[in-house]
PDB file of N, CA and C in Angstrom:
ATOM      1  N   MET A   1      -0.131  -4.399  15.936  1.00  0.00           N
ATOM      2  CA  MET A   1      -1.624  -4.767  16.319  1.00  0.00           C
ATOM      3  C   MET A   1      -2.854  -5.033  15.225  1.00  0.00           C
ATOM      4  N   VAL A   2      -2.235  -3.330  14.260  1.00  0.00           N
ATOM      5  CA  VAL A   2      -3.756  -3.219  13.711  1.00  0.00           C
ATOM      6  C   VAL A   2      -3.947  -4.132  12.964  1.00  0.00           C
ATOM      7  N   LEU A   3      -2.382  -4.941  12.063  1.00  0.00           N
ATOM      8  CA  LEU A   3      -3.038  -5.561  11.053  1.00  0.00           C
ATOM      9  C   LEU A   3      -3.315  -6.633  11.485  1.00  0.00           C
ATOM     10  N   THR A   4      -2.934  -7.506  12.412  1.00  0.00           N
ATOM     11  CA  THR A   4      -3.761  -8.515  13.120  1.00  0.00           C
ATOM     12  C   THR A   4      -4.791  -8.599  13.395  1.00  0.00           C
ATOM     13  N   THR A   5      -5.404  -6.963  13.732  1.00  0.00           N
ATOM     14  CA  THR A   5      -6.492  -7.487  14.003  1.00  0.00           C
ATOM     15  C   THR A   5      -7.489  -7.006  12.620  1.00  0.00           C
ATOM     16  N   LEU A   6      -7.025  -6.729  12.177  1.00  0.00           N
ATOM     17  CA  LEU A   6      -7.478  -6.319  10.506  1.00  0.00           C
ATOM     18  C   LEU A   6      -8.044  -7.880   9.830  1.00  0.00           C
ATOM     19  N   ARG A   7      -7.308  -8.273  10.175  1.00  0.00           N
ATOM     20  CA  ARG A   7      -7.219 -10.001   9.697  1.00  0.00           C
ATOM     21  C   ARG A   7      -8.006 -11.355  10.416  1.00  0.00           C
ATOM     22  N   GLN A   8      -8.176 -11.047  11.295  1.00  0.00           N
ATOM     23  CA  GLN A   8      -9.279 -11.424  12.078  1.00  0.00           C
ATOM     24  C   GLN A   8     -10.732 -11.584  12.346  1.00  0.00           C
ATOM     25  N   HIS A   9     -11.192 -12.205  11.813  1.00  0.00           N
ATOM     26  CA  HIS A   9     -12.826 -12.815  11.709  1.00  0.00           C
ATOM     27  C   HIS A   9     -13.426 -13.358  13.131  1.00  0.00           C
ATOM     28  N   ASP A  10     -14.288 -12.208  13.782  1.00  0.00           N
ATOM     29  CA  ASP A  10     -14.396 -12.650  15.502  1.00  0.00           C
ATOM     30  C   ASP A  10     -16.021 -12.147  15.324  1.00  0.00           C
ATOM     31  N   GLY A  11     -16.815 -12.157  14.176  1.00  0.00           N
ATOM     32  CA  GLY A  11     -18.030 -11.466  14.575  1.00  0.00           C
ATOM     33  C   GLY A  11     -18.584 -10.203  14.133  1.00  0.00           C
ATOM     34  N   PRO A  12     -19.717  -9.734  14.053  1.00  0.00           N
ATOM     35  CA  PRO A  12     -19.964  -8.391  13.668  1.00  0.00           C
ATOM     36  C   PRO A  12     -19.594  -7.104  14.504  1.00  0.00           C
ATOM     37  N   THR A  13     -19.111  -7.390  15.763  1.00  0.00           N
ATOM     38  CA  THR A  13     -18.605  -6.211  16.835  1.00  0.00           C
ATOM     39  C   THR A  13     -17.444  -6.027  15.932  1.00  0.00           C
ATOM     40  N   LEU A  14     -16.083  -6.619  15.799  1.00  0.00           N
ATOM     41  CA  LEU A  14     -15.247  -6.645  15.420  1.00  0.00           C
ATOM     42  C   LEU A  14     -15.321  -5.938  14.023  1.00  0.00           C
ATOM     43  N   GLU A  15     -16.338  -6.775  13.338  1.00  0.00           N
ATOM     44  CA  GLU A  15     -16.219  -6.170  11.814  1.00  0.00           C
ATOM     45  C   GLU A  15     -16.822  -4.840  11.862  1.00  0.00           C
ATOM     46  N   GLN A  16     -18.136  -4.380  12.293  1.00  0.00           N
ATOM     47  CA  GLN A  16     -18.696  -3.576  12.122  1.00  0.00           C
ATOM     48  C   GLN A  16     -17.784  -2.318  12.763  1.00  0.00           C
ATOM     49  N   ALA A  17     -18.027  -2.342  14.457  1.00  0.00           N
ATOM     50  CA  ALA A  17     -17.361  -1.336  15.536  1.00  0.00           C
ATOM     51  C   ALA A  17     -16.169  -0.613  15.550  1.00  0.00           C
ATOM     52  N   ILE A  18     -15.165  -1.859  15.225  1.00  0.00           N
ATOM     53  CA  ILE A  18     -13.898  -1.737  15.254  1.00  0.00           C
ATOM     54  C   ILE A  18     -12.817  -1.358  14.194  1.00  0.00           C
ATOM     55  N   LYS A  19     -13.259  -2.740  13.117  1.00  0.00           N
ATOM     56  CA  LYS A  19     -12.866  -2.431  11.430  1.00  0.00           C
ATOM     57  C   LYS A  19     -13.417  -1.209  10.788  1.00  0.00           C
ATOM     58  N   GLY A  20     -14.636  -0.973  11.328  1.00  0.00           N
ATOM     59  CA  GLY A  20     -15.351   0.245  10.570  1.00  0.00           C
ATOM     60  C   GLY A  20     -14.421   1.397  10.722  1.00  0.00           C
ATOM     61  N   TYR A  21     -13.590   1.915  11.883  1.00  0.00           N
ATOM     62  CA  TYR A  21     -13.002   2.524  12.166  1.00  0.00           C
ATOM     63  C   TYR A  21     -11.726   3.056  11.431  1.00  0.00           C
ATOM     64  N   HIS A  22     -10.997   1.878  10.534  1.00  0.00           N
ATOM     65  CA  HIS A  22      -9.710   2.043  10.032  1.00  0.00           C
ATOM     66  C   HIS A  22      -9.572   3.236   8.939  1.00  0.00           C
ATOM     67  N   GLY A  23      -9.246   3.572   9.047  1.00  0.00           N
ATOM     68  CA  GLY A  23      -8.681   5.193   8.480  1.00  0.00           C
ATOM     69  C   GLY A  23      -9.460   6.056   8.477  1.00  0.00           C
ATOM     70  N   LYS A  24     -10.417   6.095   9.297  1.00  0.00           N
ATOM     71  CA  LYS A  24     -11.208   7.323   9.595  1.00  0.00           C
ATOM     72  C   LYS A  24     -10.726   8.308  10.712  1.00  0.00           C
ATOM     73  N   THR A  25     -11.240   9.480  10.718  1.00  0.00           N
ATOM     74  CA  THR A  25     -10.828  10.413  11.880  1.00  0.00           C
ATOM     75  C   THR A  25     -11.745  10.034  12.923  1.00  0.00           C
ATOM     76  N   ILE A  26     -11.489   9.919  14.377  1.00  0.00           N
ATOM     77  CA  ILE A  26     -12.235   9.945  15.366  1.00  0.00           C
ATOM     78  C   ILE A  26     -12.229  11.320  15.904  1.00  0.00           C
ATOM     79  N   ARG A  27     -13.592  12.182  15.841  1.00  0.00           N
ATOM     80  CA  ARG A  27     -13.931  13.596  17.050  1.00  0.00           C
ATOM     81  C   ARG A  27     -14.035  13.204  18.122  1.00  0.00           C
ATOM     82  N   LEU A  28     -13.363  14.263  18.622  1.00  0.00           N
ATOM     83  CA  LEU A  28     -13.803  14.072  20.150  1.00  0.00           C
ATOM     84  C   LEU A  28     -14.999  14.955  20.468  1.00  0.00           C
ATOM     85  N   PRO A  29     -15.675  14.592  21.480  1.00  0.00           N
ATOM     86  CA  PRO A  29     -16.997  15.979  21.702  1.00  0.00           C
ATOM     87  C   PRO A  29     -16.534  17.025  21.936  1.00  0.00           C
ATOM     88  N   ARG A  30     -17.074  18.383  21.680  1.00  0.00           N
ATOM     89  CA  ARG A  30     -16.817  19.645  21.626  1.00  0.00           C
ATOM     90  C   ARG A  30     -16.684  19.815  22.885  1.00  0.00           C
ATOM     91  N   HIS A  31     -17.487  19.688  23.733  1.00  0.00           N
ATOM     92  CA  HIS A  31     -18.050  20.018  25.178  1.00  0.00           C
ATOM     93  C   HIS A  31     -16.757  19.309  26.256  1.00  0.00           C
ATOM     94  N   LEU A  32     -16.405  20.042  26.950  1.00  0.00           N
ATOM     95  CA  LEU A  32     -15.014  19.595  27.883  1.00  0.00           C
ATOM     96  C   LEU A  32     -15.521  18.112  28.642  1.00  0.00           C
ATOM     97  N   GLU A  33     -16.674  18.857  29.573  1.00  0.00           N
ATOM     98  CA  GLU A  33     -17.142  17.545  30.427  1.00  0.00           C
ATOM     99  C   GLU A  33     -17.905  16.675  29.915  1.00  0.00           C
ATOM    100  N   ASP A  34     -17.827  16.354  28.180  1.00  0.00           N
ATOM    101  CA  ASP A  34     -18.618  15.216  27.457  1.00  0.00           C
ATOM    102  C   ASP A  34     -17.138  14.375  26.829  1.00  0.00           C
ATOM    103  N   ARG A  35     -15.754  14.751  27.204  1.00  0.00           N
ATOM    104  CA  ARG A  35     -14.953  14.130  26.993  1.00  0.00           C
ATOM    105  C   ARG A  35     -13.999  13.110  27.753  1.00  0.00           C
ATOM    106  N   PRO A  36     -13.923  12.144  27.525  1.00  0.00           N
ATOM    107  CA  PRO A  36     -13.393  11.076  28.532  1.00  0.00           C
ATOM    108  C   PRO A  36     -12.126  12.091  29.582  1.00  0.00           C
ATOM    109  N   ASP A  37     -12.441  11.331  30.764  1.00  0.00           N
ATOM    110  CA  ASP A  37     -11.308  11.663  31.914  1.00  0.00           C
ATOM    111  C   ASP A  37      -9.876  10.825  31.589  1.00  0.00           C
ATOM    112  N   ARG A  38      -8.739  11.626  30.917  1.00  0.00           N
ATOM    113  CA  ARG A  38      -7.503  10.871  30.533  1.00  0.00           C
ATOM    114  C   ARG A  38      -6.922  10.044  31.766  1.00  0.00           C
ATOM    115  N   GLU A  39      -7.059  10.695  33.048  1.00  0.00           N
ATOM    116  CA  GLU A  39      -6.631   9.975  33.967  1.00  0.00           C
ATOM    117  C   GLU A  39      -7.039   8.500  34.228  1.00  0.00           C
ATOM    118  N   ALA A  40      -8.635   8.722  34.284  1.00  0.00           N
ATOM    119  CA  ALA A  40      -9.272   7.220  34.184  1.00  0.00           C
ATOM    120  C   ALA A  40      -8.947   5.931  33.408  1.00  0.00           C
ATOM    121  N   LEU A  41      -8.835   7.250  31.917  1.00  0.00           N
ATOM    122  CA  LEU A  41      -8.721   6.038  31.094  1.00  0.00           C
ATOM    123  C   LEU A  41      -7.123   5.721  30.941  1.00  0.00           C
ATOM    124  N   GLU A  42      -5.961   6.618  31.441  1.00  0.00           N
ATOM    125  CA  GLU A  42      -4.788   5.420  31.432  1.00  0.00           C
ATOM    126  C   GLU A  42      -4.829   4.668  32.871  1.00  0.00           C
ATOM    127  N   VAL A  43      -5.496   4.733  33.998  1.00  0.00           N
ATOM    128  CA  VAL A  43      -5.634   3.156  34.920  1.00  0.00           C
ATOM    129  C   VAL A  43      -6.160   2.431  34.271  1.00  0.00           C
ATOM    130  N   ARG A  44      -7.124   2.791  33.605  1.00  0.00           N
ATOM    131  CA  ARG A  44      -8.228   1.471  33.172  1.00  0.00           C
ATOM    132  C   ARG A  44      -7.129   0.703  31.931  1.00  0.00           C
ATOM    133  N   PHE A  45      -6.404   1.615  31.421  1.00  0.00           N
ATOM    134  CA  PHE A  45      -5.727   0.920  30.334  1.00  0.00           C
ATOM    135  C   PHE A  45      -4.801  -0.020  30.937  1.00  0.00           C
ATOM    136  N   GLY A  46      -4.225   0.373  31.858  1.00  0.00           N
ATOM    137  CA  GLY A  46      -2.834  -0.043  32.663  1.00  0.00           C
ATOM    138  C   GLY A  46      -3.828  -1.336  33.170  1.00  0.00           C
ATOM    139  N   GLU A  47      -4.670  -1.362  33.942  1.00  0.00           N
ATOM    140  CA  GLU A  47      -5.608  -2.548  34.310  1.00  0.00           C
ATOM    141  C   GLU A  47      -5.579  -3.475  33.204  1.00  0.00           C
ATOM    142  N   PHE A  48      -6.095  -3.197  32.242  1.00  0.00           N
ATOM    143  CA  PHE A  48      -6.378  -3.913  30.922  1.00  0.00           C
ATOM    144  C   PHE A  48      -5.031  -4.369  30.150  1.00  0.00           C
ATOM    145  N   LEU A  49      -3.417  -4.340  30.024  1.00  0.00           N
ATOM    146  CA  LEU A  49      -2.623  -4.421  30.346  1.00  0.00           C
ATOM    147  C   LEU A  49      -1.726  -5.160  31.119  1.00  0.00           C
ATOM    148  N   GLY A  50      -2.469  -5.333  32.493  1.00  0.00           N
ATOM    149  CA  GLY A  50      -1.819  -6.079  33.507  1.00  0.00           C
ATOM    150  C   GLY A  50      -0.540  -5.418  34.473  1.00  0.00           C
ATOM    151  N   VAL A  51      -0.576  -4.291  34.323  1.00  0.00           N
ATOM    152  CA  VAL A  51       0.385  -3.256  34.861  1.00  0.00           C
ATOM    153  C   VAL A  51       0.164  -3.028  36.092  1.00  0.00           C
TER     154      VAL A  51
END
């Protein structure tokens, strides 16, 4: 999926926001209350996949 995404040309959001993170480390917020809720992310990702 990474290679196919990097090969796409679909406007500035894809180019700057998504492709810009390729090869970089994404850091989590220091404070636990600022971090994403893992259970909510799991549910949302399941919805995205159509599960």
